[in-house]
Amino acid sequence: GAWTGIEYPEAIYDEETRAWISKAEVAEVPFTAFTSKKKSLHTPGRLVVRRIPELNETKRTAGQDPLFDLYRYHAFFTTVDKDRFDTVAADQMHRKHAIIEQINAELKNGALAHMPSGVFNANAAWVAIAAITHNLMRAAAGLIGGRMSKVRAQTLRTRIISIPARIAHRARKLILHLPTKWPWAT
């Protein structure tokens, strides 16, 4: 058929199904975007679709055996010529692009929401510190493991950085009281 099988170089863990996914299929069709706009804005290109087998049994069965194989679909539009990137290469490029877009979104949701100064060098230092902070948070999340390794940066800030605590002075010592029933401790 029109579907081309692809193997992921590194398996991707799906939290929902608790399974490693290393196979998918991609296909493409010629597509013209913005056809509802004036003709000068019509953009010819390719619509690339990736499908991954649905492994979640509750979605698969829903009370009866499925008539067809179930898949999860992800589509994207590209104007990159097929001679430059075939369907599989276009999908790989898109997945890499999606990762950096996620990082940009997380940085814009955090330290890069507002620049602290009108001075370029001060803002450049701010961006460097924001990138270092982001990398340290992702490394900490990876060390924690489990679901925490995949959560967004805002969730990490809420659950492991902004921990409510109380400082007490006793016998000339500072004592930090951390929560005893912290819900994300395990």
N, C-alpha and C. Protein backbone atom coordinates (compact mmCIF):
# COMPACT_ATOMS: atom_id res chain seq x y z
N GLY A 1 0.81 -1.19 0.00
CA GLY A 1 0.00 0.00 0.00
C GLY A 1 0.85 1.25 0.00
N ALA A 2 0.20 2.33 0.27
CA ALA A 2 0.84 3.64 0.27
C ALA A 2 1.62 3.89 1.55
N TRP A 3 1.42 3.05 2.56
CA TRP A 3 2.12 3.26 3.84
C TRP A 3 3.52 2.68 3.77
N THR A 4 4.48 3.44 4.27
CA THR A 4 5.88 3.00 4.34
C THR A 4 6.24 2.78 5.80
N GLY A 5 6.71 1.60 6.13
CA GLY A 5 7.09 1.30 7.51
C GLY A 5 8.36 2.03 7.90
N ILE A 6 8.41 2.50 9.14
CA ILE A 6 9.62 3.13 9.66
C ILE A 6 9.93 2.52 11.01
N GLU A 7 11.21 2.44 11.31
CA GLU A 7 11.67 1.97 12.62
C GLU A 7 12.30 3.16 13.32
N TYR A 8 11.86 3.43 14.54
CA TYR A 8 12.48 4.50 15.31
C TYR A 8 13.86 4.03 15.75
N PRO A 9 14.90 4.88 15.60
CA PRO A 9 16.24 4.46 16.04
C PRO A 9 16.28 4.20 17.54
N GLU A 10 15.48 4.94 18.30
CA GLU A 10 15.35 4.71 19.73
C GLU A 10 13.87 4.55 20.03
N ALA A 11 13.51 3.49 20.72
CA ALA A 11 12.10 3.27 21.05
C ALA A 11 11.59 4.42 21.92
N ILE A 12 10.31 4.74 21.76
CA ILE A 12 9.67 5.81 22.51
C ILE A 12 8.72 5.17 23.51
N TYR A 13 8.84 5.57 24.79
CA TYR A 13 7.97 5.00 25.82
C TYR A 13 6.65 5.75 25.83
N ASP A 14 5.55 5.02 25.70
CA ASP A 14 4.21 5.61 25.72
C ASP A 14 3.64 5.43 27.12
N GLU A 15 3.49 6.53 27.85
CA GLU A 15 2.99 6.48 29.23
C GLU A 15 1.58 5.89 29.29
N GLU A 16 0.77 6.21 28.29
CA GLU A 16 -0.63 5.78 28.32
C GLU A 16 -0.76 4.26 28.24
N THR A 17 0.02 3.64 27.36
CA THR A 17 -0.06 2.19 27.20
C THR A 17 1.00 1.46 28.00
N ARG A 18 1.96 2.20 28.55
CA ARG A 18 3.08 1.64 29.30
C ARG A 18 3.84 0.61 28.44
N ALA A 19 4.09 1.01 27.19
CA ALA A 19 4.79 0.13 26.26
C ALA A 19 5.79 0.95 25.45
N TRP A 20 6.82 0.25 24.95
CA TRP A 20 7.81 0.89 24.10
C TRP A 20 7.34 0.78 22.66
N ILE A 21 7.35 1.90 21.96
CA ILE A 21 6.91 1.92 20.56
C ILE A 21 8.13 2.17 19.69
N SER A 22 8.36 1.28 18.74
CA SER A 22 9.50 1.47 17.85
C SER A 22 9.09 1.37 16.38
N LYS A 23 7.80 1.17 16.13
CA LYS A 23 7.35 1.03 14.75
C LYS A 23 6.23 2.02 14.46
N ALA A 24 6.22 2.49 13.24
CA ALA A 24 5.16 3.36 12.76
C ALA A 24 5.14 3.25 11.25
N GLU A 25 4.19 3.91 10.64
CA GLU A 25 4.11 3.95 9.19
C GLU A 25 3.82 5.38 8.77
N VAL A 26 4.34 5.77 7.62
CA VAL A 26 4.08 7.11 7.09
C VAL A 26 3.58 7.01 5.66
N ALA A 27 2.77 7.98 5.29
CA ALA A 27 2.27 8.10 3.92
C ALA A 27 2.10 9.58 3.62
N GLU A 28 1.99 9.90 2.34
CA GLU A 28 1.80 11.31 1.98
C GLU A 28 0.91 11.43 0.76
N VAL A 29 0.29 12.60 0.63
CA VAL A 29 -0.50 12.94 -0.54
C VAL A 29 -0.17 14.38 -0.93
N PRO A 30 -0.27 14.71 -2.21
CA PRO A 30 -0.12 16.12 -2.59
C PRO A 30 -1.27 16.92 -1.96
N PHE A 31 -0.98 18.12 -1.52
CA PHE A 31 -2.00 18.91 -0.82
C PHE A 31 -1.74 20.39 -1.07
N THR A 32 -2.80 21.14 -1.25
CA THR A 32 -2.69 22.59 -1.39
C THR A 32 -3.34 23.23 -0.18
N ALA A 33 -2.56 23.98 0.56
CA ALA A 33 -3.05 24.64 1.77
C ALA A 33 -3.65 26.01 1.42
N PHE A 34 -4.50 26.49 2.30
CA PHE A 34 -5.11 27.82 2.21
C PHE A 34 -5.97 28.00 0.97
N THR A 35 -6.68 26.95 0.56
CA THR A 35 -7.52 27.05 -0.64
C THR A 35 -8.75 27.93 -0.43
N SER A 36 -9.08 28.22 0.81
CA SER A 36 -10.22 29.11 1.07
C SER A 36 -9.83 30.58 0.92
N LYS A 37 -8.54 30.85 0.78
CA LYS A 37 -8.04 32.22 0.62
C LYS A 37 -7.89 32.54 -0.87
N LYS A 38 -7.50 33.77 -1.17
CA LYS A 38 -7.32 34.14 -2.58
C LYS A 38 -6.20 33.29 -3.21
N LYS A 39 -6.27 33.13 -4.52
CA LYS A 39 -5.41 32.19 -5.24
C LYS A 39 -3.92 32.45 -5.02
N SER A 40 -3.51 33.70 -4.84
CA SER A 40 -2.09 34.00 -4.65
C SER A 40 -1.56 33.44 -3.33
N LEU A 41 -2.45 33.11 -2.38
CA LEU A 41 -2.04 32.56 -1.09
C LEU A 41 -2.06 31.03 -1.06
N HIS A 42 -2.59 30.40 -2.12
CA HIS A 42 -2.60 28.93 -2.17
C HIS A 42 -1.16 28.43 -2.12
N THR A 43 -0.92 27.43 -1.28
CA THR A 43 0.44 26.91 -1.09
C THR A 43 0.46 25.41 -1.38
N PRO A 44 1.04 25.01 -2.51
CA PRO A 44 1.13 23.58 -2.79
C PRO A 44 2.23 22.93 -1.95
N GLY A 45 1.99 21.70 -1.57
CA GLY A 45 2.98 20.98 -0.77
C GLY A 45 2.56 19.53 -0.60
N ARG A 46 2.98 18.96 0.51
CA ARG A 46 2.69 17.55 0.80
C ARG A 46 2.07 17.44 2.19
N LEU A 47 1.06 16.62 2.33
CA LEU A 47 0.48 16.30 3.63
C LEU A 47 1.04 14.93 4.01
N VAL A 48 1.85 14.90 5.06
CA VAL A 48 2.48 13.66 5.52
C VAL A 48 1.76 13.21 6.78
N VAL A 49 1.40 11.94 6.82
CA VAL A 49 0.67 11.37 7.96
C VAL A 49 1.48 10.21 8.52
N ARG A 50 1.66 10.22 9.85
CA ARG A 50 2.32 9.11 10.54
C ARG A 50 1.24 8.38 11.33
N ARG A 51 1.22 7.08 11.26
CA ARG A 51 0.27 6.32 12.08
C ARG A 51 1.03 5.31 12.94
N ILE A 52 0.56 5.20 14.18
CA ILE A 52 1.17 4.31 15.16
C ILE A 52 0.08 3.37 15.63
N PRO A 53 0.34 2.06 15.70
CA PRO A 53 -0.70 1.14 16.17
C PRO A 53 -1.18 1.50 17.57
N GLU A 54 -2.49 1.47 17.78
CA GLU A 54 -3.07 1.74 19.09
C GLU A 54 -2.89 0.50 19.95
N LEU A 55 -2.15 0.65 21.04
CA LEU A 55 -1.86 -0.49 21.92
C LEU A 55 -2.69 -0.47 23.19
N ASN A 56 -3.40 0.61 23.44
CA ASN A 56 -4.22 0.74 24.64
C ASN A 56 -5.46 -0.15 24.48
N GLU A 57 -5.53 -1.23 25.23
CA GLU A 57 -6.60 -2.21 25.06
C GLU A 57 -7.99 -1.64 25.35
N THR A 58 -8.11 -0.71 26.30
CA THR A 58 -9.44 -0.14 26.58
C THR A 58 -9.94 0.67 25.40
N LYS A 59 -9.05 1.34 24.70
CA LYS A 59 -9.46 2.07 23.50
C LYS A 59 -9.71 1.11 22.35
N ARG A 60 -8.91 0.06 22.30
CA ARG A 60 -9.04 -0.88 21.18
C ARG A 60 -10.37 -1.62 21.21
N THR A 61 -10.75 -2.12 22.37
CA THR A 61 -11.94 -2.97 22.41
C THR A 61 -13.22 -2.18 22.64
N ALA A 62 -13.27 -1.35 23.66
CA ALA A 62 -14.46 -0.55 23.99
C ALA A 62 -15.72 -1.42 23.95
N GLY A 63 -15.62 -2.63 24.47
CA GLY A 63 -16.79 -3.49 24.58
C GLY A 63 -16.95 -4.50 23.46
N GLN A 64 -16.22 -4.37 22.38
CA GLN A 64 -16.33 -5.33 21.29
C GLN A 64 -15.03 -5.38 20.51
N ASP A 65 -14.86 -6.43 19.72
CA ASP A 65 -13.67 -6.53 18.90
C ASP A 65 -13.73 -5.48 17.79
N PRO A 66 -12.61 -4.83 17.53
CA PRO A 66 -12.63 -3.80 16.48
C PRO A 66 -12.75 -4.43 15.10
N LEU A 67 -13.43 -3.73 14.22
CA LEU A 67 -13.60 -4.20 12.85
C LEU A 67 -12.32 -4.00 12.04
N PHE A 68 -11.60 -2.91 12.35
CA PHE A 68 -10.35 -2.57 11.66
C PHE A 68 -9.24 -2.41 12.68
N ASP A 69 -8.01 -2.50 12.22
CA ASP A 69 -6.88 -2.17 13.09
C ASP A 69 -6.97 -0.71 13.47
N LEU A 70 -6.70 -0.41 14.75
CA LEU A 70 -6.78 0.96 15.22
C LEU A 70 -5.39 1.59 15.25
N TYR A 71 -5.33 2.85 14.88
CA TYR A 71 -4.08 3.60 14.86
C TYR A 71 -4.29 4.98 15.47
N ARG A 72 -3.20 5.56 15.92
CA ARG A 72 -3.18 6.98 16.28
C ARG A 72 -2.49 7.69 15.13
N TYR A 73 -3.04 8.82 14.72
CA TYR A 73 -2.53 9.53 13.55
C TYR A 73 -1.97 10.89 13.94
N HIS A 74 -0.91 11.29 13.24
CA HIS A 74 -0.35 12.64 13.38
C HIS A 74 -0.01 13.11 11.97
N ALA A 75 -0.57 14.25 11.58
CA ALA A 75 -0.34 14.77 10.24
C ALA A 75 0.38 16.11 10.31
N PHE A 76 1.16 16.40 9.29
CA PHE A 76 1.78 17.71 9.16
C PHE A 76 1.93 18.05 7.69
N PHE A 77 2.01 19.33 7.42
CA PHE A 77 2.13 19.85 6.06
C PHE A 77 3.54 20.37 5.84
N THR A 78 4.11 20.07 4.69
CA THR A 78 5.45 20.57 4.38
C THR A 78 5.51 21.02 2.93
N THR A 79 6.32 22.04 2.69
CA THR A 79 6.56 22.49 1.32
C THR A 79 7.93 22.05 0.83
N VAL A 80 8.64 21.27 1.64
CA VAL A 80 9.95 20.75 1.23
C VAL A 80 9.74 19.74 0.11
N ASP A 81 10.51 19.89 -0.96
CA ASP A 81 10.37 19.05 -2.14
C ASP A 81 10.68 17.59 -1.83
N LYS A 82 9.93 16.68 -2.45
CA LYS A 82 10.12 15.25 -2.22
C LYS A 82 11.50 14.78 -2.66
N ASP A 83 12.11 15.45 -3.64
CA ASP A 83 13.46 15.09 -4.07
C ASP A 83 14.48 15.38 -2.98
N ARG A 84 14.19 16.35 -2.13
CA ARG A 84 15.12 16.71 -1.06
C ARG A 84 14.93 15.80 0.16
N PHE A 85 13.67 15.59 0.56
CA PHE A 85 13.35 14.70 1.68
C PHE A 85 12.21 13.80 1.27
N ASP A 86 12.45 12.47 1.25
CA ASP A 86 11.34 11.57 0.97
C ASP A 86 10.41 11.55 2.18
N THR A 87 9.37 10.74 2.14
CA THR A 87 8.36 10.74 3.20
C THR A 87 8.95 10.42 4.56
N VAL A 88 9.79 9.40 4.63
CA VAL A 88 10.38 8.99 5.91
C VAL A 88 11.31 10.08 6.44
N ALA A 89 12.14 10.66 5.58
CA ALA A 89 13.06 11.73 6.01
C ALA A 89 12.28 12.97 6.45
N ALA A 90 11.18 13.29 5.77
CA ALA A 90 10.36 14.43 6.17
C ALA A 90 9.76 14.20 7.55
N ASP A 91 9.34 12.97 7.84
CA ASP A 91 8.80 12.64 9.16
C ASP A 91 9.88 12.77 10.23
N GLN A 92 11.08 12.28 9.95
CA GLN A 92 12.18 12.40 10.91
C GLN A 92 12.52 13.86 11.18
N MET A 93 12.56 14.67 10.13
CA MET A 93 12.85 16.09 10.29
C MET A 93 11.76 16.76 11.12
N HIS A 94 10.52 16.40 10.86
CA HIS A 94 9.40 16.99 11.61
C HIS A 94 9.47 16.62 13.09
N ARG A 95 9.80 15.37 13.41
CA ARG A 95 9.89 14.97 14.82
C ARG A 95 11.00 15.72 15.54
N LYS A 96 12.14 15.93 14.88
CA LYS A 96 13.22 16.72 15.49
C LYS A 96 12.78 18.16 15.69
N HIS A 97 12.07 18.70 14.72
CA HIS A 97 11.57 20.07 14.82
C HIS A 97 10.58 20.18 15.98
N ALA A 98 9.75 19.17 16.17
CA ALA A 98 8.76 19.20 17.24
C ALA A 98 9.43 19.24 18.61
N ILE A 99 10.56 18.58 18.77
CA ILE A 99 11.26 18.57 20.06
C ILE A 99 11.76 19.96 20.40
N ILE A 100 12.37 20.66 19.45
CA ILE A 100 12.88 22.00 19.74
C ILE A 100 11.73 22.97 19.95
N GLU A 101 10.61 22.76 19.27
CA GLU A 101 9.44 23.63 19.49
C GLU A 101 8.93 23.46 20.92
N GLN A 102 8.97 22.24 21.44
CA GLN A 102 8.54 22.00 22.83
C GLN A 102 9.47 22.73 23.80
N ILE A 103 10.76 22.69 23.54
CA ILE A 103 11.72 23.39 24.40
C ILE A 103 11.48 24.89 24.34
N ASN A 104 11.28 25.43 23.14
CA ASN A 104 11.00 26.86 23.01
C ASN A 104 9.74 27.25 23.77
N ALA A 105 8.69 26.43 23.67
CA ALA A 105 7.44 26.73 24.38
C ALA A 105 7.66 26.73 25.89
N GLU A 106 8.44 25.77 26.38
CA GLU A 106 8.69 25.72 27.82
C GLU A 106 9.52 26.90 28.29
N LEU A 107 10.51 27.31 27.51
CA LEU A 107 11.32 28.47 27.89
C LEU A 107 10.48 29.75 27.87
N LYS A 108 9.60 29.88 26.88
CA LYS A 108 8.74 31.07 26.80
C LYS A 108 7.71 31.08 27.93
N ASN A 109 7.35 29.91 28.43
CA ASN A 109 6.42 29.82 29.56
C ASN A 109 7.13 30.11 30.88
N GLY A 110 8.44 30.14 30.86
CA GLY A 110 9.21 30.36 32.08
C GLY A 110 10.01 31.65 32.02
N ALA A 111 11.33 31.51 32.09
CA ALA A 111 12.22 32.67 32.21
C ALA A 111 12.20 33.59 30.99
N LEU A 112 11.87 33.08 29.82
CA LEU A 112 11.89 33.93 28.63
C LEU A 112 10.56 34.61 28.36
N ALA A 113 9.63 34.53 29.31
CA ALA A 113 8.35 35.22 29.13
C ALA A 113 8.57 36.72 29.04
N HIS A 114 9.51 37.24 29.82
CA HIS A 114 9.84 38.66 29.80
C HIS A 114 11.35 38.81 29.96
N MET A 115 11.94 39.63 29.13
CA MET A 115 13.36 39.93 29.28
C MET A 115 13.52 40.99 30.37
N PRO A 116 14.54 40.86 31.21
CA PRO A 116 14.66 41.76 32.36
C PRO A 116 15.20 43.15 32.05
N SER A 117 15.74 43.35 30.86
CA SER A 117 16.46 44.59 30.62
C SER A 117 16.30 45.03 29.17
N GLY A 118 16.62 46.29 28.92
CA GLY A 118 16.67 46.79 27.56
C GLY A 118 18.08 46.70 26.99
N VAL A 119 19.00 46.15 27.75
CA VAL A 119 20.40 46.04 27.35
C VAL A 119 20.64 44.64 26.78
N PHE A 120 21.17 44.58 25.56
CA PHE A 120 21.36 43.31 24.87
C PHE A 120 22.19 42.32 25.68
N ASN A 121 23.34 42.75 26.22
CA ASN A 121 24.22 41.83 26.94
C ASN A 121 23.56 41.26 28.19
N ALA A 122 22.77 42.07 28.88
CA ALA A 122 22.05 41.58 30.06
C ALA A 122 21.03 40.53 29.65
N ASN A 123 20.32 40.78 28.56
CA ASN A 123 19.34 39.81 28.08
C ASN A 123 20.02 38.54 27.57
N ALA A 124 21.19 38.67 26.95
CA ALA A 124 21.93 37.49 26.49
C ALA A 124 22.34 36.62 27.67
N ALA A 125 22.78 37.25 28.76
CA ALA A 125 23.12 36.49 29.97
C ALA A 125 21.87 35.81 30.53
N TRP A 126 20.75 36.52 30.51
CA TRP A 126 19.48 35.96 31.00
C TRP A 126 19.09 34.72 30.19
N VAL A 127 19.23 34.78 28.87
CA VAL A 127 18.90 33.63 28.01
C VAL A 127 19.83 32.46 28.32
N ALA A 128 21.11 32.73 28.51
CA ALA A 128 22.07 31.66 28.83
C ALA A 128 21.71 30.99 30.16
N ILE A 129 21.37 31.80 31.16
CA ILE A 129 20.98 31.25 32.47
C ILE A 129 19.68 30.46 32.35
N ALA A 130 18.73 30.96 31.54
CA ALA A 130 17.47 30.25 31.33
C ALA A 130 17.71 28.89 30.69
N ALA A 131 18.62 28.82 29.71
CA ALA A 131 18.94 27.55 29.05
C ALA A 131 19.61 26.58 30.02
N ILE A 132 20.53 27.08 30.83
CA ILE A 132 21.20 26.23 31.82
C ILE A 132 20.18 25.70 32.82
N THR A 133 19.29 26.57 33.29
CA THR A 133 18.26 26.16 34.24
C THR A 133 17.35 25.10 33.64
N HIS A 134 16.95 25.30 32.39
CA HIS A 134 16.09 24.32 31.72
C HIS A 134 16.79 22.96 31.64
N ASN A 135 18.06 22.97 31.24
CA ASN A 135 18.81 21.71 31.13
C ASN A 135 18.97 21.02 32.49
N LEU A 136 19.20 21.80 33.54
CA LEU A 136 19.32 21.22 34.89
C LEU A 136 17.99 20.62 35.35
N MET A 137 16.89 21.32 35.05
CA MET A 137 15.57 20.77 35.43
C MET A 137 15.27 19.49 34.67
N ARG A 138 15.60 19.44 33.37
CA ARG A 138 15.36 18.21 32.60
C ARG A 138 16.25 17.08 33.12
N ALA A 139 17.48 17.40 33.51
CA ALA A 139 18.38 16.38 34.07
C ALA A 139 17.84 15.87 35.40
N ALA A 140 17.35 16.77 36.25
CA ALA A 140 16.76 16.36 37.53
C ALA A 140 15.53 15.48 37.29
N ALA A 141 14.71 15.85 36.33
CA ALA A 141 13.52 15.05 36.02
C ALA A 141 13.92 13.67 35.52
N GLY A 142 14.99 13.60 34.73
CA GLY A 142 15.48 12.30 34.26
C GLY A 142 15.99 11.43 35.39
N LEU A 143 16.64 12.05 36.37
CA LEU A 143 17.12 11.30 37.53
C LEU A 143 15.97 10.80 38.40
N ILE A 144 14.92 11.62 38.53
CA ILE A 144 13.75 11.20 39.31
C ILE A 144 13.08 10.02 38.63
N GLY A 145 12.98 10.08 37.31
CA GLY A 145 12.42 8.99 36.54
C GLY A 145 10.90 8.92 36.59
N GLY A 146 10.37 7.83 36.07
CA GLY A 146 8.92 7.63 36.05
C GLY A 146 8.22 8.72 35.27
N ARG A 147 7.04 9.07 35.74
CA ARG A 147 6.25 10.10 35.07
C ARG A 147 6.91 11.47 35.12
N MET A 148 7.69 11.72 36.17
CA MET A 148 8.32 13.03 36.31
C MET A 148 9.32 13.30 35.19
N SER A 149 9.83 12.26 34.55
CA SER A 149 10.81 12.48 33.48
C SER A 149 10.18 13.07 32.23
N LYS A 150 8.85 13.03 32.13
CA LYS A 150 8.18 13.51 30.92
C LYS A 150 7.33 14.76 31.15
N VAL A 151 7.22 15.23 32.40
CA VAL A 151 6.33 16.35 32.67
C VAL A 151 6.92 17.66 32.16
N ARG A 152 6.05 18.66 32.01
CA ARG A 152 6.47 19.98 31.54
C ARG A 152 7.27 20.70 32.62
N ALA A 153 8.00 21.72 32.20
CA ALA A 153 8.86 22.47 33.12
C ALA A 153 8.05 23.12 34.24
N GLN A 154 6.86 23.64 33.92
CA GLN A 154 6.02 24.26 34.95
C GLN A 154 5.66 23.25 36.04
N THR A 155 5.38 22.03 35.66
CA THR A 155 5.07 20.98 36.64
C THR A 155 6.29 20.69 37.50
N LEU A 156 7.47 20.64 36.89
CA LEU A 156 8.70 20.43 37.67
C LEU A 156 8.90 21.56 38.68
N ARG A 157 8.69 22.80 38.24
CA ARG A 157 8.84 23.93 39.16
C ARG A 157 7.87 23.81 40.32
N THR A 158 6.64 23.40 40.04
CA THR A 158 5.62 23.29 41.09
C THR A 158 5.91 22.14 42.04
N ARG A 159 6.33 21.01 41.50
CA ARG A 159 6.44 19.80 42.32
C ARG A 159 7.79 19.57 42.99
N ILE A 160 8.89 20.02 42.38
CA ILE A 160 10.18 19.73 43.01
C ILE A 160 10.99 20.96 43.37
N ILE A 161 10.63 22.12 42.87
CA ILE A 161 11.41 23.32 43.18
C ILE A 161 10.67 24.21 44.17
N SER A 162 9.39 24.46 43.93
CA SER A 162 8.61 25.33 44.82
C SER A 162 7.95 24.50 45.92
N ILE A 163 8.75 23.89 46.75
CA ILE A 163 8.23 23.06 47.84
C ILE A 163 7.95 23.96 49.03
N PRO A 164 6.74 23.87 49.59
CA PRO A 164 6.47 24.68 50.79
C PRO A 164 7.31 24.16 51.95
N ALA A 165 7.96 25.07 52.63
CA ALA A 165 8.81 24.69 53.76
C ALA A 165 8.77 25.81 54.80
N ARG A 166 9.25 25.49 55.99
CA ARG A 166 9.27 26.46 57.09
C ARG A 166 10.66 26.42 57.71
N ILE A 167 11.20 27.61 57.96
CA ILE A 167 12.51 27.71 58.61
C ILE A 167 12.30 28.04 60.08
N ALA A 168 12.97 27.28 60.94
CA ALA A 168 12.86 27.51 62.39
C ALA A 168 14.26 27.74 62.96
N HIS A 169 14.33 28.53 64.02
CA HIS A 169 15.59 28.78 64.73
C HIS A 169 15.49 28.07 66.07
N ARG A 170 16.40 27.14 66.33
CA ARG A 170 16.44 26.46 67.63
C ARG A 170 17.89 26.24 67.99
N ALA A 171 18.23 26.58 69.19
CA ALA A 171 19.59 26.36 69.72
C ALA A 171 20.65 26.87 68.75
N ARG A 172 20.44 28.07 68.27
CA ARG A 172 21.36 28.72 67.33
C ARG A 172 21.58 27.93 66.04
N LYS A 173 20.60 27.16 65.66
CA LYS A 173 20.68 26.40 64.41
C LYS A 173 19.45 26.72 63.57
N LEU A 174 19.64 26.70 62.28
CA LEU A 174 18.52 26.84 61.35
C LEU A 174 18.02 25.44 61.01
N ILE A 175 16.72 25.26 61.11
CA ILE A 175 16.11 23.97 60.79
C ILE A 175 15.11 24.20 59.67
N LEU A 176 15.21 23.42 58.63
CA LEU A 176 14.30 23.50 57.50
C LEU A 176 13.28 22.38 57.63
N HIS A 177 12.01 22.75 57.81
CA HIS A 177 10.93 21.77 57.92
C HIS A 177 10.29 21.59 56.55
N LEU A 178 10.47 20.42 55.98
CA LEU A 178 9.87 20.10 54.69
C LEU A 178 8.55 19.36 54.91
N PRO A 179 7.67 19.32 53.93
CA PRO A 179 6.40 18.63 54.11
C PRO A 179 6.61 17.13 54.37
N THR A 180 5.82 16.59 55.29
CA THR A 180 5.94 15.17 55.61
C THR A 180 5.11 14.30 54.68
N LYS A 181 4.04 14.85 54.16
CA LYS A 181 3.16 14.07 53.26
C LYS A 181 3.16 14.70 51.88
N TRP A 182 4.33 14.81 51.30
CA TRP A 182 4.49 15.41 49.98
C TRP A 182 3.98 14.42 48.94
N PRO A 183 2.94 14.76 48.15
CA PRO A 183 2.33 13.78 47.24
C PRO A 183 3.23 13.29 46.12
N TRP A 184 4.31 14.01 45.79
CA TRP A 184 5.17 13.60 44.68
C TRP A 184 6.47 12.99 45.17
N ALA A 185 6.53 12.61 46.43
CA ALA A 185 7.76 12.05 46.99
C ALA A 185 8.07 10.68 46.40
N THR A 186 7.05 9.98 45.96
CA THR A 186 7.30 8.64 45.39
C THR A 186 6.94 8.59 43.93
